[in-house]
Amino acid sequence: MAEREFSAILALDPDNVDAHGNLGVLLFFQGDYAKAAPELRAALQLQPALTKIQALLGMCEKRTGETTRARADLEAAFPQLQEEKLRIEAGMELIEIDYGANDLDKAAGVASALRQLKPADPDILYTAHRIYADLADEAMLSMAMLAPDSARMHQLTAHEMARAGNTAGAIAQYRRALKMDPRLPGAHFELAEMLSMSSVTAERDEAGKEYLASLANNPADEKSECRLGEIALRKTEVKEAFARFSLARQLQPNDADADLGLAKTLMAMNQPGKAEPLLEDAERLDPFNATTRYYLATVYRGLGRTDDARRELAEFQRLKEMKERLKLSYHEMGLQPAKPERPDPAIPK
């Protein structure tokens, strides 16, 4: 009945924007995309600022095989859309077009926007992973063809070996890369990370030298300052640890690792009151870090905040179990996490 009414209005007033738009929307949600597209297009021609209409038109055009038109309309509409559900649907349609055209950079840009909009959506996360993985494969293939024996290629190979759990192979590749270019950005730090996880004691001891080498190349390397702070703290050299973590926080005020490290140092110095705000800040910056929850529970208990301590300890247990499940998933895929969790000897297994 609504369709007949809108058609009757258009018979009397062919330039009625609302009638064209409403009829197009009605036909779209009935799944009649071939009939919906002309009505939506007519509404858009009469009033070009109708962003929702343009998005629906783009989806109609995609589903009727007019890919070039669909891409143009979706690209124009997507940045302007405010309604979450429609923005996600339009974005996913646009990604499908870009991905099909092998335009991975554009697809990645849309996926990034959707992740910011709804970061926990499984479909968006899966789509983003596919795009980013293909981009990584494409870059690795280009590197292998254009610079097969370069320092960067050895660094990239090391990274892939690390992801596959081949720590020894990764260390060897990082050493080859650094032999070719001792100032290769990021390589000293990445080698140090591998050395710190080695089963060989001499290699673990060598990690500190590589963090220092990384800092020699880049004095603003905040992550190396944090790692050196951790090494000092394990050796109970609290003054050095305090200096390292303090500098790391100056270099990067919004890094949860620096906050956590400085808080642990203050706790070792019997200053839990000063550690509390740092731990709360670290929790805000990285709410999924189980270690932060454990230390925050310890501080709260020491300050007599029993309920808060109980809450944080429960969250610690939940996150710990979640990380174990995640570790199992990585094991089943034969991979290592991109950012492996560093064990803390003070936390019970």
Protein backbone atom coordinates (compact mmCIF):
# COMPACT_ATOMS: atom_id res chain seq x y z
CA MET A 1 0.00 0.00 0.00
CA ALA A 2 2.82 2.40 0.86
CA GLU A 3 4.48 1.68 -2.47
CA ARG A 4 1.26 2.53 -4.33
CA GLU A 5 0.84 5.74 -2.35
CA PHE A 6 4.39 6.94 -3.06
CA SER A 7 4.00 6.06 -6.74
CA ALA A 8 0.74 8.04 -6.87
CA ILE A 9 2.45 11.06 -5.30
CA LEU A 10 5.25 10.88 -7.88
CA ALA A 11 2.71 10.68 -10.71
CA LEU A 12 1.37 14.04 -9.54
CA ASP A 13 4.73 15.53 -8.45
CA PRO A 14 7.74 13.89 -10.20
CA ASP A 15 10.22 16.08 -8.30
CA ASN A 16 9.04 15.14 -4.81
CA VAL A 17 12.27 14.31 -2.98
CA ASP A 18 10.62 12.64 0.01
CA ALA A 19 8.50 10.39 -2.19
CA HIS A 20 11.49 9.26 -4.26
CA GLY A 21 13.58 8.70 -1.15
CA ASN A 22 10.91 6.89 0.85
CA LEU A 23 9.95 4.68 -2.08
CA GLY A 24 13.62 3.85 -2.68
CA VAL A 25 14.15 2.98 0.98
CA LEU A 26 11.02 0.85 1.00
CA LEU A 27 12.13 -1.09 -2.08
CA PHE A 28 15.67 -1.44 -0.69
CA PHE A 29 14.47 -3.12 2.49
CA GLN A 30 12.20 -5.36 0.45
CA GLY A 31 15.30 -6.52 -1.39
CA ASP A 32 14.22 -5.12 -4.75
CA TYR A 33 17.51 -3.34 -5.46
CA ALA A 34 16.96 -2.91 -9.22
CA LYS A 35 13.79 -0.88 -8.61
CA ALA A 36 15.15 0.90 -5.53
CA ALA A 37 18.25 2.31 -7.24
CA PRO A 38 16.49 4.67 -9.70
CA GLU A 39 14.29 6.10 -6.92
CA LEU A 40 17.24 6.67 -4.59
CA ARG A 41 19.25 8.18 -7.45
CA ALA A 42 16.39 10.55 -8.30
CA ALA A 43 16.16 11.71 -4.68
CA LEU A 44 19.92 12.26 -4.56
CA GLN A 45 19.94 14.26 -7.79
CA LEU A 46 17.23 16.52 -6.42
CA GLN A 47 18.97 16.89 -3.02
CA PRO A 48 22.70 15.88 -3.12
CA ALA A 49 23.21 16.24 0.65
CA LEU A 50 21.14 13.13 1.46
CA THR A 51 24.03 11.03 2.80
CA LYS A 52 21.94 8.07 3.98
CA ILE A 53 20.20 7.88 0.62
CA GLN A 54 23.58 7.90 -1.13
CA ALA A 55 24.83 5.06 1.09
CA LEU A 56 21.75 2.95 0.34
CA LEU A 57 22.13 3.76 -3.35
CA GLY A 58 25.73 2.58 -3.27
CA MET A 59 24.65 -0.69 -1.67
CA CYS A 60 21.92 -1.12 -4.28
CA GLU A 61 24.40 -0.52 -7.08
CA LYS A 62 26.85 -3.03 -5.62
CA ARG A 63 24.15 -5.68 -5.42
CA THR A 64 23.04 -5.06 -9.00
CA GLY A 65 26.58 -5.26 -10.36
CA GLU A 66 27.22 -1.54 -10.90
CA THR A 67 30.50 -1.69 -9.02
CA THR A 68 32.07 1.55 -10.28
CA ARG A 69 29.00 3.59 -9.35
CA ALA A 70 28.68 1.76 -6.05
CA ARG A 71 32.26 2.52 -5.08
CA ALA A 72 31.89 6.22 -5.89
CA ASP A 73 28.66 6.58 -3.89
CA LEU A 74 29.87 4.58 -0.90
CA GLU A 75 33.19 6.46 -0.79
CA ALA A 76 31.32 9.77 -0.80
CA ALA A 77 28.75 8.73 1.81
CA PHE A 78 30.81 6.66 4.27
CA PRO A 79 32.79 9.49 5.96
CA GLN A 80 29.57 11.49 6.53
CA LEU A 81 27.39 8.75 8.02
CA GLN A 82 26.53 9.18 11.71
CA GLU A 83 24.17 6.26 12.35
CA GLU A 84 26.33 3.38 13.62
CA LYS A 85 24.48 0.46 12.02
CA LEU A 86 24.31 2.07 8.57
CA ARG A 87 27.94 3.26 8.76
CA ILE A 88 29.11 -0.27 9.56
CA GLU A 89 27.03 -1.82 6.81
CA ALA A 90 28.16 0.74 4.22
CA GLY A 91 31.79 0.36 5.36
CA MET A 92 31.71 -3.42 5.06
CA GLU A 93 30.22 -3.15 1.55
CA LEU A 94 32.93 -0.66 0.57
CA ILE A 95 35.65 -2.91 1.97
CA GLU A 96 34.31 -5.79 -0.12
CA ILE A 97 34.57 -3.66 -3.27
CA ASP A 98 38.07 -2.39 -2.43
CA TYR A 99 39.26 -5.87 -1.46
CA GLY A 100 37.86 -7.32 -4.68
CA ALA A 101 39.75 -4.67 -6.64
CA ASN A 102 42.92 -5.57 -4.65
CA ASP A 103 43.05 -2.01 -3.32
CA LEU A 104 44.20 -3.14 0.11
CA ASP A 105 45.31 0.30 1.31
CA LYS A 106 41.83 1.76 0.84
CA ALA A 107 40.23 -1.33 2.40
CA ALA A 108 42.56 -1.00 5.40
CA GLY A 109 41.58 2.65 5.87
CA VAL A 110 37.88 1.79 6.02
CA ALA A 111 38.55 -1.18 8.33
CA SER A 112 40.49 1.10 10.69
CA ALA A 113 37.55 3.52 10.84
CA LEU A 114 35.14 0.68 11.60
CA ARG A 115 37.40 -0.69 14.35
CA GLN A 116 37.36 2.70 16.05
CA LEU A 117 33.58 2.74 15.80
CA LYS A 118 33.00 -0.78 17.16
CA PRO A 119 36.28 -2.33 18.38
CA ALA A 120 34.74 -5.55 19.75
CA ASP A 121 32.72 -6.55 16.68
CA PRO A 122 33.91 -10.03 15.52
CA ASP A 123 33.03 -9.43 11.85
CA ILE A 124 34.98 -6.17 11.74
CA LEU A 125 37.95 -7.74 13.56
CA TYR A 126 37.99 -10.72 11.20
CA THR A 127 37.79 -8.47 8.14
CA ALA A 128 40.58 -6.23 9.46
CA HIS A 129 42.78 -9.25 10.15
CA ARG A 130 42.33 -10.55 6.60
CA ILE A 131 43.22 -7.18 5.09
CA TYR A 132 46.24 -6.56 7.35
CA ALA A 133 47.52 -10.11 6.78
CA ASP A 134 47.26 -9.67 3.01
CA LEU A 135 49.04 -6.32 3.24
CA ALA A 136 51.82 -7.96 5.25
CA ASP A 137 52.14 -10.79 2.73
CA GLU A 138 52.18 -8.32 -0.15
CA ALA A 139 54.91 -6.24 1.50
CA MET A 140 56.99 -9.34 2.29
CA LEU A 141 56.71 -10.58 -1.30
CA SER A 142 57.76 -7.17 -2.65
CA MET A 143 60.72 -7.10 -0.25
CA ALA A 144 61.79 -10.60 -1.29
CA MET A 145 61.70 -9.61 -4.95
CA LEU A 146 63.26 -6.16 -4.69
CA ALA A 147 65.78 -6.53 -1.84
CA PRO A 148 66.25 -10.26 -1.16
CA ASP A 149 69.56 -9.96 0.72
CA SER A 150 69.06 -6.60 2.42
CA ALA A 151 69.29 -5.93 6.14
CA ARG A 152 65.56 -5.18 6.17
CA MET A 153 64.78 -8.54 4.54
CA HIS A 154 66.74 -10.37 7.26
CA GLN A 155 64.91 -8.28 9.88
CA LEU A 156 61.57 -9.18 8.33
CA THR A 157 62.54 -12.87 8.18
CA ALA A 158 63.51 -12.71 11.85
CA HIS A 159 60.12 -11.25 12.72
CA GLU A 160 58.32 -14.06 10.88
CA MET A 161 60.50 -16.69 12.57
CA ALA A 162 59.70 -15.17 15.94
CA ARG A 163 55.97 -15.38 15.14
CA ALA A 164 56.47 -19.06 14.29
CA GLY A 165 58.15 -19.67 17.65
CA ASN A 166 61.63 -20.16 16.15
CA THR A 167 63.55 -18.04 18.64
CA ALA A 168 67.00 -19.34 17.66
CA GLY A 169 66.33 -18.72 13.96
CA ALA A 170 65.04 -15.22 14.68
CA ILE A 171 68.14 -14.37 16.72
CA ALA A 172 70.38 -15.56 13.89
CA GLN A 173 68.51 -13.44 11.33
CA TYR A 174 68.63 -10.33 13.54
CA ARG A 175 72.39 -10.81 13.93
CA ARG A 176 72.79 -11.03 10.14
CA ALA A 177 70.73 -7.87 9.68
CA LEU A 178 72.78 -5.94 12.23
CA LYS A 179 76.05 -7.18 10.75
CA MET A 180 74.96 -5.58 7.48
CA ASP A 181 73.66 -2.40 9.14
CA PRO A 182 74.57 -1.85 12.83
CA ARG A 183 72.23 1.16 12.97
CA LEU A 184 69.21 -0.60 11.47
CA PRO A 185 66.17 1.04 13.13
CA GLY A 186 64.43 -1.25 15.60
CA ALA A 187 66.74 -4.23 15.09
CA HIS A 188 68.75 -3.98 18.34
CA PHE A 189 65.55 -3.76 20.38
CA GLU A 190 63.92 -6.67 18.51
CA LEU A 191 67.05 -8.79 18.94
CA ALA A 192 67.09 -7.96 22.65
CA GLU A 193 63.45 -9.09 22.94
CA MET A 194 64.35 -12.44 21.39
CA LEU A 195 67.46 -12.83 23.54
CA SER A 196 65.45 -12.12 26.70
CA MET A 197 63.15 -15.05 25.86
CA SER A 198 65.96 -17.46 24.96
CA SER A 199 66.46 -20.68 26.91
CA VAL A 200 70.24 -20.04 26.82
CA THR A 201 71.47 -18.13 29.90
CA ALA A 202 74.29 -16.38 28.03
CA GLU A 203 71.83 -15.06 25.45
CA ARG A 204 69.46 -13.79 28.14
CA ASP A 205 72.39 -11.98 29.76
CA GLU A 206 73.24 -10.42 26.39
CA ALA A 207 69.81 -8.80 26.08
CA GLY A 208 70.79 -5.83 28.25
CA LYS A 209 73.68 -4.95 25.92
CA GLU A 210 71.32 -4.91 22.95
CA TYR A 211 68.85 -2.63 24.75
CA LEU A 212 71.76 -0.28 25.44
CA ALA A 213 72.80 -0.48 21.78
CA SER A 214 69.24 0.40 20.80
CA LEU A 215 69.38 3.46 23.04
CA ALA A 216 72.75 4.45 21.57
CA ASN A 217 71.10 4.56 18.13
CA ASN A 218 67.91 6.17 19.42
CA PRO A 219 68.06 7.96 22.81
CA ALA A 220 64.25 8.37 22.69
CA ASP A 221 63.71 4.59 22.68
CA GLU A 222 61.32 4.48 25.62
CA LYS A 223 60.71 0.72 25.36
CA SER A 224 64.41 -0.03 25.83
CA GLU A 225 64.44 2.21 28.92
CA CYS A 226 61.54 0.16 30.30
CA ARG A 227 63.31 -3.14 29.61
CA LEU A 228 66.50 -1.92 31.25
CA GLY A 229 64.40 -0.81 34.20
CA GLU A 230 62.98 -4.34 34.46
CA ILE A 231 66.46 -5.84 34.39
CA ALA A 232 67.62 -3.47 37.13
CA LEU A 233 64.55 -4.24 39.23
CA ARG A 234 65.16 -7.99 38.96
CA LYS A 235 68.67 -7.34 40.26
CA THR A 236 67.16 -5.22 43.09
CA GLU A 237 69.02 -2.18 41.76
CA VAL A 238 66.07 0.05 42.62
CA LYS A 239 67.82 3.39 42.07
CA GLU A 240 68.68 2.51 38.48
CA ALA A 241 65.21 1.04 37.95
CA PHE A 242 63.61 4.22 39.27
CA ALA A 243 65.74 6.37 36.97
CA ARG A 244 65.02 4.19 33.92
CA PHE A 245 61.24 4.06 34.41
CA SER A 246 61.06 7.75 35.29
CA LEU A 247 62.85 8.65 32.05
CA ALA A 248 60.59 6.26 30.11
CA ARG A 249 57.52 8.07 31.45
CA GLN A 250 59.00 11.41 30.40
CA LEU A 251 59.62 10.06 26.91
CA GLN A 252 56.16 8.51 26.62
CA PRO A 253 53.65 9.65 29.29
CA ASN A 254 50.90 7.35 28.00
CA ASP A 255 52.73 4.03 28.14
CA ALA A 256 51.23 1.51 30.56
CA ASP A 257 54.52 -0.42 30.77
CA ALA A 258 56.37 2.63 32.10
CA ASP A 259 53.62 3.32 34.66
CA LEU A 260 53.61 -0.30 35.81
CA GLY A 261 57.40 -0.50 36.02
CA LEU A 262 57.70 2.68 38.05
CA ALA A 263 54.88 1.53 40.35
CA LYS A 264 56.62 -1.81 40.97
CA THR A 265 59.83 0.07 41.75
CA LEU A 266 58.04 2.32 44.24
CA MET A 267 56.51 -0.74 45.89
CA ALA A 268 60.01 -2.21 46.21
CA MET A 269 60.97 1.08 47.88
CA ASN A 270 58.03 0.68 50.33
CA GLN A 271 56.07 3.57 48.83
CA PRO A 272 52.70 1.97 47.92
CA GLY A 273 50.86 5.28 48.23
CA LYS A 274 52.89 6.71 45.35
CA ALA A 275 52.49 3.49 43.36
CA GLU A 276 48.68 3.56 43.55
CA PRO A 277 47.96 6.38 41.02
CA LEU A 278 50.54 4.96 38.60
CA LEU A 279 48.87 1.54 38.68
CA GLU A 280 45.44 3.09 38.22
CA ASP A 281 46.78 5.00 35.22
CA ALA A 282 48.34 1.82 33.80
CA GLU A 283 45.02 0.03 34.23
CA ARG A 284 43.23 2.81 32.34
CA LEU A 285 45.76 2.67 29.50
CA ASP A 286 45.80 -1.15 29.28
CA PRO A 287 42.75 -2.67 31.02
CA PHE A 288 43.64 -6.21 29.84
CA ASN A 289 47.01 -6.42 31.60
CA ALA A 290 46.63 -9.03 34.33
CA THR A 291 49.93 -8.04 35.98
CA THR A 292 48.70 -4.51 36.64
CA ARG A 293 45.55 -5.90 38.28
CA TYR A 294 47.62 -8.12 40.56
CA TYR A 295 49.82 -5.28 41.80
CA LEU A 296 46.84 -2.97 42.18
CA ALA A 297 45.11 -5.60 44.32
CA THR A 298 48.29 -5.84 46.45
CA VAL A 299 48.44 -2.06 46.93
CA TYR A 300 44.73 -1.80 47.76
CA ARG A 301 45.04 -4.60 50.32
CA GLY A 302 48.01 -2.85 51.93
CA LEU A 303 46.04 0.41 52.09
CA GLY A 304 43.07 -1.32 53.75
CA ARG A 305 40.78 -1.08 50.68
CA THR A 306 39.58 -4.67 50.99
CA ASP A 307 36.67 -4.52 48.54
CA ASP A 308 38.79 -2.87 45.85
CA ALA A 309 41.54 -5.44 46.39
CA ARG A 310 39.03 -8.29 46.07
CA ARG A 311 37.65 -6.81 42.84
CA GLU A 312 41.08 -6.41 41.26
CA LEU A 313 42.16 -9.91 42.28
CA ALA A 314 39.03 -11.38 40.69
CA GLU A 315 39.77 -9.43 37.51
CA PHE A 316 43.38 -10.67 37.63
CA GLN A 317 42.16 -14.28 37.72
CA ARG A 318 39.70 -13.66 34.87
CA LEU A 319 42.34 -12.06 32.66
CA LYS A 320 44.86 -14.75 33.51
CA GLU A 321 42.41 -17.46 32.41
CA MET A 322 41.63 -15.50 29.24
CA LYS A 323 45.34 -15.21 28.42
CA GLU A 324 45.74 -18.98 28.91
CA ARG A 325 42.94 -19.63 26.43
CA LEU A 326 44.53 -17.18 24.02
CA LYS A 327 47.90 -18.90 24.43
CA LEU A 328 46.25 -22.21 23.55
CA SER A 329 44.72 -20.66 20.42
CA TYR A 330 48.12 -19.37 19.30
CA HIS A 331 49.63 -22.79 19.99
CA GLU A 332 46.99 -24.47 17.82
CA MET A 333 47.86 -22.04 14.99
CA GLY A 334 51.59 -22.69 15.45
CA LEU A 335 52.22 -18.99 16.19
CA GLN A 336 53.55 -16.78 18.93
CA PRO A 337 51.73 -13.58 19.98
CA ALA A 338 53.05 -10.42 18.30
CA LYS A 339 53.59 -9.05 21.81
CA PRO A 340 54.29 -12.00 24.15
CA GLU A 341 53.41 -11.41 27.79
CA ARG A 342 56.54 -11.08 29.88
CA PRO A 343 56.38 -13.27 33.01
CA ASP A 344 56.71 -11.54 36.39
CA PRO A 345 58.49 -13.69 39.00
CA ALA A 346 56.58 -11.94 41.81
CA ILE A 347 53.22 -13.19 40.54
CA PRO A 348 52.20 -16.76 41.49
CA LYS A 349 51.65 -19.19 38.63
